[in-house]
Amino acid sequence: MNKTELIRAISDSTDISQKNTAAVIETMQDIIKTTVSDGDKVSITGFASFEKKRIPTKSGVSKLGGTEKKWSTPEKDVIKVSLSKTYSNIE
């Protein structure tokens, strides 16, 4: 299911138009991104939690092709998503 299909399914299950459903989903995404970017955790009970996680710089040596080549990735912040235990046992 993609975002458009999710919006349609929510709209069909409620008395909310697809336009208003889309606006709610977009606003929720913006609020989660802004809140997590500011360093705060967002927890939606029964669904998921979102928090900022720092990925440290990584470096190494690749030996593919018979030659050694050094590589590295810069330090960066990512959003870590943890699903609720509700989703841990889907049958």
N, C-alpha and C. Protein backbone atom coordinates (compact mmCIF):
# COMPACT_ATOMS: atom_id res chain seq x y z
N MET A 1 0.85 -1.18 0.00
CA MET A 1 0.00 0.00 0.00
C MET A 1 0.90 1.23 0.00
N ASN A 2 0.61 2.15 -0.89
CA ASN A 2 1.37 3.40 -0.92
C ASN A 2 0.57 4.51 -0.24
N LYS A 3 1.12 5.70 -0.23
CA LYS A 3 0.49 6.81 0.48
C LYS A 3 -0.90 7.14 -0.08
N THR A 4 -1.03 7.17 -1.40
CA THR A 4 -2.32 7.47 -2.02
C THR A 4 -3.37 6.43 -1.65
N GLU A 5 -2.97 5.17 -1.65
CA GLU A 5 -3.89 4.10 -1.28
C GLU A 5 -4.28 4.19 0.19
N LEU A 6 -3.32 4.56 1.06
CA LEU A 6 -3.61 4.73 2.48
C LEU A 6 -4.62 5.86 2.68
N ILE A 7 -4.41 6.97 2.00
CA ILE A 7 -5.33 8.10 2.11
C ILE A 7 -6.73 7.68 1.67
N ARG A 8 -6.81 6.96 0.57
CA ARG A 8 -8.11 6.50 0.07
C ARG A 8 -8.77 5.56 1.08
N ALA A 9 -7.99 4.64 1.66
CA ALA A 9 -8.54 3.68 2.63
C ALA A 9 -9.05 4.39 3.88
N ILE A 10 -8.30 5.36 4.37
CA ILE A 10 -8.74 6.11 5.55
C ILE A 10 -10.01 6.90 5.22
N SER A 11 -10.00 7.54 4.08
CA SER A 11 -11.16 8.32 3.66
C SER A 11 -12.40 7.45 3.51
N ASP A 12 -12.23 6.26 2.93
CA ASP A 12 -13.35 5.33 2.76
C ASP A 12 -13.88 4.80 4.09
N SER A 13 -13.01 4.71 5.08
CA SER A 13 -13.39 4.17 6.39
C SER A 13 -13.97 5.22 7.33
N THR A 14 -13.86 6.47 6.94
CA THR A 14 -14.35 7.58 7.78
C THR A 14 -15.22 8.49 6.93
N ASP A 15 -15.73 9.52 7.52
CA ASP A 15 -16.50 10.52 6.78
C ASP A 15 -15.63 11.74 6.45
N ILE A 16 -14.33 11.49 6.27
CA ILE A 16 -13.39 12.57 5.97
C ILE A 16 -13.00 12.47 4.49
N SER A 17 -13.00 13.61 3.80
CA SER A 17 -12.66 13.60 2.37
C SER A 17 -11.20 13.21 2.17
N GLN A 18 -10.91 12.76 0.96
CA GLN A 18 -9.51 12.41 0.64
C GLN A 18 -8.61 13.63 0.75
N LYS A 19 -9.10 14.79 0.36
CA LYS A 19 -8.32 16.02 0.45
C LYS A 19 -7.96 16.33 1.89
N ASN A 20 -8.95 16.24 2.79
CA ASN A 20 -8.68 16.52 4.20
C ASN A 20 -7.82 15.43 4.84
N THR A 21 -8.02 14.19 4.44
CA THR A 21 -7.18 13.10 4.94
C THR A 21 -5.74 13.32 4.53
N ALA A 22 -5.52 13.69 3.27
CA ALA A 22 -4.17 13.96 2.78
C ALA A 22 -3.52 15.11 3.56
N ALA A 23 -4.30 16.14 3.86
CA ALA A 23 -3.78 17.28 4.62
C ALA A 23 -3.35 16.86 6.02
N VAL A 24 -4.13 15.99 6.65
CA VAL A 24 -3.79 15.50 7.99
C VAL A 24 -2.50 14.68 7.94
N ILE A 25 -2.39 13.79 6.96
CA ILE A 25 -1.18 12.94 6.84
C ILE A 25 0.05 13.82 6.59
N GLU A 26 -0.07 14.79 5.68
CA GLU A 26 1.06 15.69 5.38
C GLU A 26 1.46 16.48 6.63
N THR A 27 0.48 16.99 7.35
CA THR A 27 0.76 17.76 8.56
C THR A 27 1.43 16.89 9.62
N MET A 28 0.94 15.67 9.78
CA MET A 28 1.55 14.74 10.73
C MET A 28 3.02 14.48 10.38
N GLN A 29 3.29 14.25 9.10
CA GLN A 29 4.68 14.02 8.67
C GLN A 29 5.55 15.23 8.97
N ASP A 30 5.05 16.42 8.68
CA ASP A 30 5.82 17.65 8.92
C ASP A 30 6.10 17.84 10.41
N ILE A 31 5.09 17.60 11.24
CA ILE A 31 5.26 17.77 12.69
C ILE A 31 6.27 16.76 13.24
N ILE A 32 6.17 15.51 12.81
CA ILE A 32 7.12 14.49 13.27
C ILE A 32 8.53 14.86 12.85
N LYS A 33 8.72 15.25 11.60
CA LYS A 33 10.06 15.60 11.11
C LYS A 33 10.63 16.79 11.87
N THR A 34 9.84 17.83 12.07
CA THR A 34 10.31 19.02 12.78
C THR A 34 10.63 18.71 14.23
N THR A 35 9.75 17.98 14.89
CA THR A 35 9.95 17.65 16.31
C THR A 35 11.20 16.81 16.50
N VAL A 36 11.37 15.79 15.66
CA VAL A 36 12.55 14.91 15.77
C VAL A 36 13.82 15.68 15.41
N SER A 37 13.75 16.53 14.40
CA SER A 37 14.92 17.34 14.02
C SER A 37 15.37 18.24 15.16
N ASP A 38 14.41 18.69 15.97
CA ASP A 38 14.73 19.54 17.13
C ASP A 38 15.27 18.73 18.31
N GLY A 39 15.35 17.40 18.16
CA GLY A 39 15.92 16.56 19.20
C GLY A 39 14.91 15.93 20.14
N ASP A 40 13.62 16.15 19.90
CA ASP A 40 12.59 15.57 20.75
C ASP A 40 12.07 14.27 20.15
N LYS A 41 11.62 13.37 21.01
CA LYS A 41 11.09 12.09 20.59
C LYS A 41 9.58 12.21 20.41
N VAL A 42 9.05 11.56 19.38
CA VAL A 42 7.61 11.50 19.15
C VAL A 42 7.17 10.06 19.38
N SER A 43 6.22 9.86 20.29
CA SER A 43 5.69 8.53 20.57
C SER A 43 4.20 8.53 20.31
N ILE A 44 3.76 7.65 19.42
CA ILE A 44 2.34 7.48 19.14
C ILE A 44 1.98 6.09 19.66
N THR A 45 1.37 6.06 20.85
CA THR A 45 1.05 4.80 21.51
C THR A 45 0.25 3.89 20.60
N GLY A 46 0.68 2.63 20.52
CA GLY A 46 0.01 1.65 19.68
C GLY A 46 0.43 1.70 18.22
N PHE A 47 1.33 2.61 17.86
CA PHE A 47 1.77 2.73 16.48
C PHE A 47 3.30 2.69 16.39
N ALA A 48 3.97 3.78 16.75
CA ALA A 48 5.43 3.84 16.60
C ALA A 48 6.00 5.00 17.39
N SER A 49 7.31 4.98 17.55
CA SER A 49 8.02 6.12 18.11
C SER A 49 9.10 6.53 17.12
N PHE A 50 9.40 7.82 17.12
CA PHE A 50 10.35 8.41 16.19
C PHE A 50 11.35 9.23 16.99
N GLU A 51 12.65 9.04 16.73
CA GLU A 51 13.66 9.82 17.43
C GLU A 51 14.90 9.99 16.56
N LYS A 52 15.66 11.05 16.85
CA LYS A 52 16.87 11.32 16.09
C LYS A 52 17.99 10.42 16.60
N LYS A 53 18.76 9.87 15.66
CA LYS A 53 19.89 9.03 16.01
C LYS A 53 21.08 9.49 15.18
N ARG A 54 22.22 9.63 15.83
CA ARG A 54 23.44 10.05 15.13
C ARG A 54 24.19 8.81 14.67
N ILE A 55 24.48 8.76 13.37
CA ILE A 55 25.29 7.68 12.79
C ILE A 55 26.71 8.21 12.70
N PRO A 56 27.66 7.58 13.40
CA PRO A 56 29.03 8.09 13.39
C PRO A 56 29.72 7.89 12.04
N THR A 57 30.81 8.60 11.86
CA THR A 57 31.62 8.44 10.66
C THR A 57 32.13 7.01 10.60
N LYS A 58 32.08 6.45 9.40
CA LYS A 58 32.61 5.10 9.19
C LYS A 58 33.68 5.17 8.11
N SER A 59 34.68 4.33 8.25
CA SER A 59 35.71 4.26 7.22
C SER A 59 36.24 2.84 7.14
N GLY A 60 36.85 2.54 6.03
CA GLY A 60 37.38 1.20 5.84
C GLY A 60 38.18 1.12 4.56
N VAL A 61 38.53 -0.10 4.22
CA VAL A 61 39.31 -0.34 3.01
C VAL A 61 38.61 -1.41 2.20
N SER A 62 38.37 -1.12 0.94
CA SER A 62 37.78 -2.09 0.02
C SER A 62 38.89 -2.75 -0.76
N LYS A 63 38.85 -4.08 -0.83
CA LYS A 63 39.89 -4.82 -1.53
C LYS A 63 39.35 -5.48 -2.80
N LEU A 64 38.26 -4.95 -3.31
CA LEU A 64 37.68 -5.50 -4.54
C LEU A 64 38.56 -5.19 -5.74
N GLY A 65 38.64 -6.10 -6.67
CA GLY A 65 39.40 -5.89 -7.89
C GLY A 65 40.90 -5.98 -7.71
N GLY A 66 41.34 -6.48 -6.57
CA GLY A 66 42.77 -6.67 -6.36
C GLY A 66 43.52 -5.43 -5.89
N THR A 67 42.85 -4.29 -5.78
CA THR A 67 43.51 -3.09 -5.28
C THR A 67 42.78 -2.61 -4.04
N GLU A 68 43.51 -1.95 -3.18
CA GLU A 68 42.90 -1.41 -1.97
C GLU A 68 42.44 0.02 -2.22
N LYS A 69 41.24 0.29 -1.79
CA LYS A 69 40.70 1.64 -1.94
C LYS A 69 40.07 2.03 -0.61
N LYS A 70 40.52 3.16 -0.05
CA LYS A 70 39.96 3.65 1.21
C LYS A 70 38.63 4.34 0.93
N TRP A 71 37.70 4.17 1.87
CA TRP A 71 36.40 4.80 1.77
C TRP A 71 35.98 5.32 3.13
N SER A 72 35.06 6.27 3.13
CA SER A 72 34.50 6.76 4.40
C SER A 72 33.14 7.37 4.13
N THR A 73 32.31 7.35 5.17
CA THR A 73 31.00 7.99 5.12
C THR A 73 30.96 9.02 6.23
N PRO A 74 30.41 10.19 5.97
CA PRO A 74 30.38 11.22 7.01
C PRO A 74 29.37 10.92 8.10
N GLU A 75 29.58 11.54 9.25
CA GLU A 75 28.63 11.45 10.35
C GLU A 75 27.32 12.11 9.92
N LYS A 76 26.19 11.51 10.32
CA LYS A 76 24.91 12.11 9.94
C LYS A 76 23.84 11.75 10.96
N ASP A 77 22.78 12.55 10.95
CA ASP A 77 21.61 12.29 11.79
C ASP A 77 20.54 11.62 10.94
N VAL A 78 19.88 10.62 11.51
CA VAL A 78 18.78 9.93 10.82
C VAL A 78 17.61 9.82 11.79
N ILE A 79 16.43 9.53 11.25
CA ILE A 79 15.28 9.30 12.10
C ILE A 79 15.15 7.79 12.33
N LYS A 80 15.18 7.40 13.60
CA LYS A 80 15.00 6.01 13.98
C LYS A 80 13.52 5.79 14.28
N VAL A 81 12.94 4.79 13.64
CA VAL A 81 11.52 4.46 13.83
C VAL A 81 11.43 3.11 14.53
N SER A 82 10.74 3.07 15.64
CA SER A 82 10.51 1.83 16.38
C SER A 82 9.01 1.56 16.39
N LEU A 83 8.61 0.44 15.80
CA LEU A 83 7.20 0.09 15.78
C LEU A 83 6.74 -0.39 17.14
N SER A 84 5.48 -0.17 17.43
CA SER A 84 4.86 -0.63 18.66
C SER A 84 4.87 -2.16 18.70
N LYS A 85 4.81 -2.70 19.89
CA LYS A 85 4.74 -4.16 20.03
C LYS A 85 3.49 -4.73 19.37
N THR A 86 2.51 -3.88 19.12
CA THR A 86 1.30 -4.30 18.41
C THR A 86 1.65 -4.96 17.07
N TYR A 87 2.72 -4.51 16.44
CA TYR A 87 3.11 -4.99 15.13
C TYR A 87 4.16 -6.10 15.17
N SER A 88 4.55 -6.54 16.35
CA SER A 88 5.62 -7.53 16.44
C SER A 88 5.17 -8.95 16.12
N ASN A 89 3.88 -9.19 16.13
CA ASN A 89 3.39 -10.55 15.89
C ASN A 89 2.21 -10.51 14.92
N ILE A 90 2.51 -10.20 13.66
CA ILE A 90 1.46 -10.13 12.65
C ILE A 90 1.32 -11.50 11.99
N GLU A 91 0.12 -11.99 11.94
CA GLU A 91 -0.13 -13.30 11.34
C GLU A 91 -0.80 -13.17 10.00
